Amino acid sequence: MCPTDRPLRHRLVVPDLGLGPTRLVVSLWLIPEGSRVAAGDRVVELLADGVTVDLEAPVSGRLAARFADEDDPVCTGAVLAEFEVPE
């Protein structure tokens, strides 16, 4: 593998919450795009049938991109965000 100056990217994906066919909505982004995060920091809240579910950063790095806005419906497996991790 060749060295690169580009950071690695990790995705935040909507997990299967085990709630069956449930409508999920992005309720609130807790971290602005471009901000640094630590693994385990709360990043976004999803609303599922009146229940709020927090999703955490999978890695330490920078929240490089968000792919859904607040109030957008999302489904299991959807990519919500990407994080850049310097090598």
C-alpha atoms as a PDB file:
ATOM      1  CA  MET A   1       0.000   0.000   0.000  1.00  0.00           C
ATOM      2  CA  CYS A   2       1.380   3.399  -0.967  1.00  0.00           C
ATOM      3  CA  PRO A   3       1.519   6.206   1.590  1.00  0.00           C
ATOM      4  CA  THR A   4      -0.982   8.971   1.021  1.00  0.00           C
ATOM      5  CA  ASP A   5      -1.666  12.402   2.406  1.00  0.00           C
ATOM      6  CA  ARG A   6      -5.402  11.778   2.252  1.00  0.00           C
ATOM      7  CA  PRO A   7      -7.062  10.900   5.543  1.00  0.00           C
ATOM      8  CA  LEU A   8      -8.944   7.651   5.976  1.00  0.00           C
ATOM      9  CA  ARG A   9     -12.743   7.921   5.900  1.00  0.00           C
ATOM     10  CA  HIS A  10     -15.169   6.056   8.138  1.00  0.00           C
ATOM     11  CA  ARG A  11     -18.932   6.029   7.700  1.00  0.00           C
ATOM     12  CA  LEU A  12     -21.704   6.416  10.256  1.00  0.00           C
ATOM     13  CA  VAL A  13     -24.535   4.121   9.154  1.00  0.00           C
ATOM     14  CA  VAL A  14     -28.079   3.845  10.523  1.00  0.00           C
ATOM     15  CA  PRO A  15     -28.012   0.584  12.509  1.00  0.00           C
ATOM     16  CA  ASP A  16     -30.761  -2.023  12.645  1.00  0.00           C
ATOM     17  CA  LEU A  17     -32.496  -1.040  15.878  1.00  0.00           C
ATOM     18  CA  GLY A  18     -34.498  -4.257  16.032  1.00  0.00           C
ATOM     19  CA  LEU A  19     -37.778  -2.334  15.961  1.00  0.00           C
ATOM     20  CA  GLY A  20     -39.090  -3.899  12.752  1.00  0.00           C
ATOM     21  CA  PRO A  21     -40.264  -1.646   9.927  1.00  0.00           C
ATOM     22  CA  THR A  22     -39.983   1.684  11.693  1.00  0.00           C
ATOM     23  CA  ARG A  23     -39.911   5.196  10.287  1.00  0.00           C
ATOM     24  CA  LEU A  24     -36.676   6.859  11.385  1.00  0.00           C
ATOM     25  CA  VAL A  25     -36.128  10.607  11.223  1.00  0.00           C
ATOM     26  CA  VAL A  26     -32.968  12.638  11.826  1.00  0.00           C
ATOM     27  CA  SER A  27     -34.066  14.614  14.864  1.00  0.00           C
ATOM     28  CA  LEU A  28     -30.963  16.639  15.773  1.00  0.00           C
ATOM     29  CA  TRP A  29     -27.334  16.897  14.709  1.00  0.00           C
ATOM     30  CA  LEU A  30     -25.259  17.407  17.860  1.00  0.00           C
ATOM     31  CA  ILE A  31     -21.933  18.058  16.110  1.00  0.00           C
ATOM     32  CA  PRO A  32     -21.466  20.627  13.327  1.00  0.00           C
ATOM     33  CA  GLU A  33     -19.893  19.486  10.081  1.00  0.00           C
ATOM     34  CA  GLY A  34     -16.140  20.080  10.156  1.00  0.00           C
ATOM     35  CA  SER A  35     -15.861  19.642  13.935  1.00  0.00           C
ATOM     36  CA  ARG A  36     -13.448  17.292  15.689  1.00  0.00           C
ATOM     37  CA  VAL A  37     -14.938  14.363  17.587  1.00  0.00           C
ATOM     38  CA  ALA A  38     -13.706  11.579  19.827  1.00  0.00           C
ATOM     39  CA  ALA A  39     -14.844   7.997  19.362  1.00  0.00           C
ATOM     40  CA  GLY A  40     -18.020   7.572  21.395  1.00  0.00           C
ATOM     41  CA  ASP A  41     -19.115  11.236  21.230  1.00  0.00           C
ATOM     42  CA  ARG A  42     -22.822  11.618  20.555  1.00  0.00           C
ATOM     43  CA  VAL A  43     -23.177  12.879  16.973  1.00  0.00           C
ATOM     44  CA  VAL A  44     -26.829  12.674  15.943  1.00  0.00           C
ATOM     45  CA  GLU A  45     -30.240  11.869  17.404  1.00  0.00           C
ATOM     46  CA  LEU A  46     -32.722   9.749  15.473  1.00  0.00           C
ATOM     47  CA  LEU A  47     -36.405   9.588  16.294  1.00  0.00           C
ATOM     48  CA  ALA A  48     -38.055   6.179  15.902  1.00  0.00           C
ATOM     49  CA  ASP A  49     -41.744   5.875  16.791  1.00  0.00           C
ATOM     50  CA  GLY A  50     -41.428   8.474  19.544  1.00  0.00           C
ATOM     51  CA  VAL A  51     -38.174   7.046  20.918  1.00  0.00           C
ATOM     52  CA  THR A  52     -34.942   9.040  20.635  1.00  0.00           C
ATOM     53  CA  VAL A  53     -31.836   7.064  19.710  1.00  0.00           C
ATOM     54  CA  ASP A  54     -28.344   8.592  19.936  1.00  0.00           C
ATOM     55  CA  LEU A  55     -25.674   7.530  17.461  1.00  0.00           C
ATOM     56  CA  GLU A  56     -22.029   7.916  18.444  1.00  0.00           C
ATOM     57  CA  ALA A  57     -18.889   8.680  16.449  1.00  0.00           C
ATOM     58  CA  PRO A  58     -17.307   5.364  15.429  1.00  0.00           C
ATOM     59  CA  VAL A  59     -13.793   6.879  15.418  1.00  0.00           C
ATOM     60  CA  SER A  60     -11.877   9.916  16.611  1.00  0.00           C
ATOM     61  CA  GLY A  61     -11.351  12.467  13.871  1.00  0.00           C
ATOM     62  CA  ARG A  62     -13.287  15.158  12.015  1.00  0.00           C
ATOM     63  CA  LEU A  63     -16.924  15.060  10.930  1.00  0.00           C
ATOM     64  CA  ALA A  64     -16.197  15.596   7.231  1.00  0.00           C
ATOM     65  CA  ALA A  65     -19.679  15.290   5.715  1.00  0.00           C
ATOM     66  CA  ARG A  66     -23.312  14.858   6.699  1.00  0.00           C
ATOM     67  CA  PHE A  67     -25.636  13.188   4.197  1.00  0.00           C
ATOM     68  CA  ALA A  68     -28.995  13.861   5.840  1.00  0.00           C
ATOM     69  CA  ASP A  69     -30.564  17.008   7.250  1.00  0.00           C
ATOM     70  CA  GLU A  70     -32.682  17.371  10.370  1.00  0.00           C
ATOM     71  CA  ASP A  71     -36.243  16.116   9.776  1.00  0.00           C
ATOM     72  CA  ASP A  72     -35.114  13.872   6.885  1.00  0.00           C
ATOM     73  CA  PRO A  73     -36.466  10.318   6.923  1.00  0.00           C
ATOM     74  CA  VAL A  74     -33.734   7.651   6.874  1.00  0.00           C
ATOM     75  CA  CYS A  75     -33.703   3.875   6.753  1.00  0.00           C
ATOM     76  CA  THR A  76     -31.533   1.112   8.168  1.00  0.00           C
ATOM     77  CA  GLY A  77     -28.225   0.963   6.335  1.00  0.00           C
ATOM     78  CA  ALA A  78     -28.302   4.586   5.145  1.00  0.00           C
ATOM     79  CA  VAL A  79     -25.007   6.465   5.401  1.00  0.00           C
ATOM     80  CA  LEU A  80     -25.554   9.484   7.659  1.00  0.00           C
ATOM     81  CA  ALA A  81     -22.035  10.891   7.815  1.00  0.00           C
ATOM     82  CA  GLU A  82     -18.364  10.385   7.054  1.00  0.00           C
ATOM     83  CA  PHE A  83     -15.461  10.985   9.408  1.00  0.00           C
ATOM     84  CA  GLU A  84     -11.873  11.741   8.385  1.00  0.00           C
ATOM     85  CA  VAL A  85      -9.136  10.133  10.436  1.00  0.00           C
ATOM     86  CA  PRO A  86      -5.554  11.248   9.846  1.00  0.00           C
ATOM     87  CA  GLU A  87      -3.119   8.401   9.239  1.00  0.00           C
END
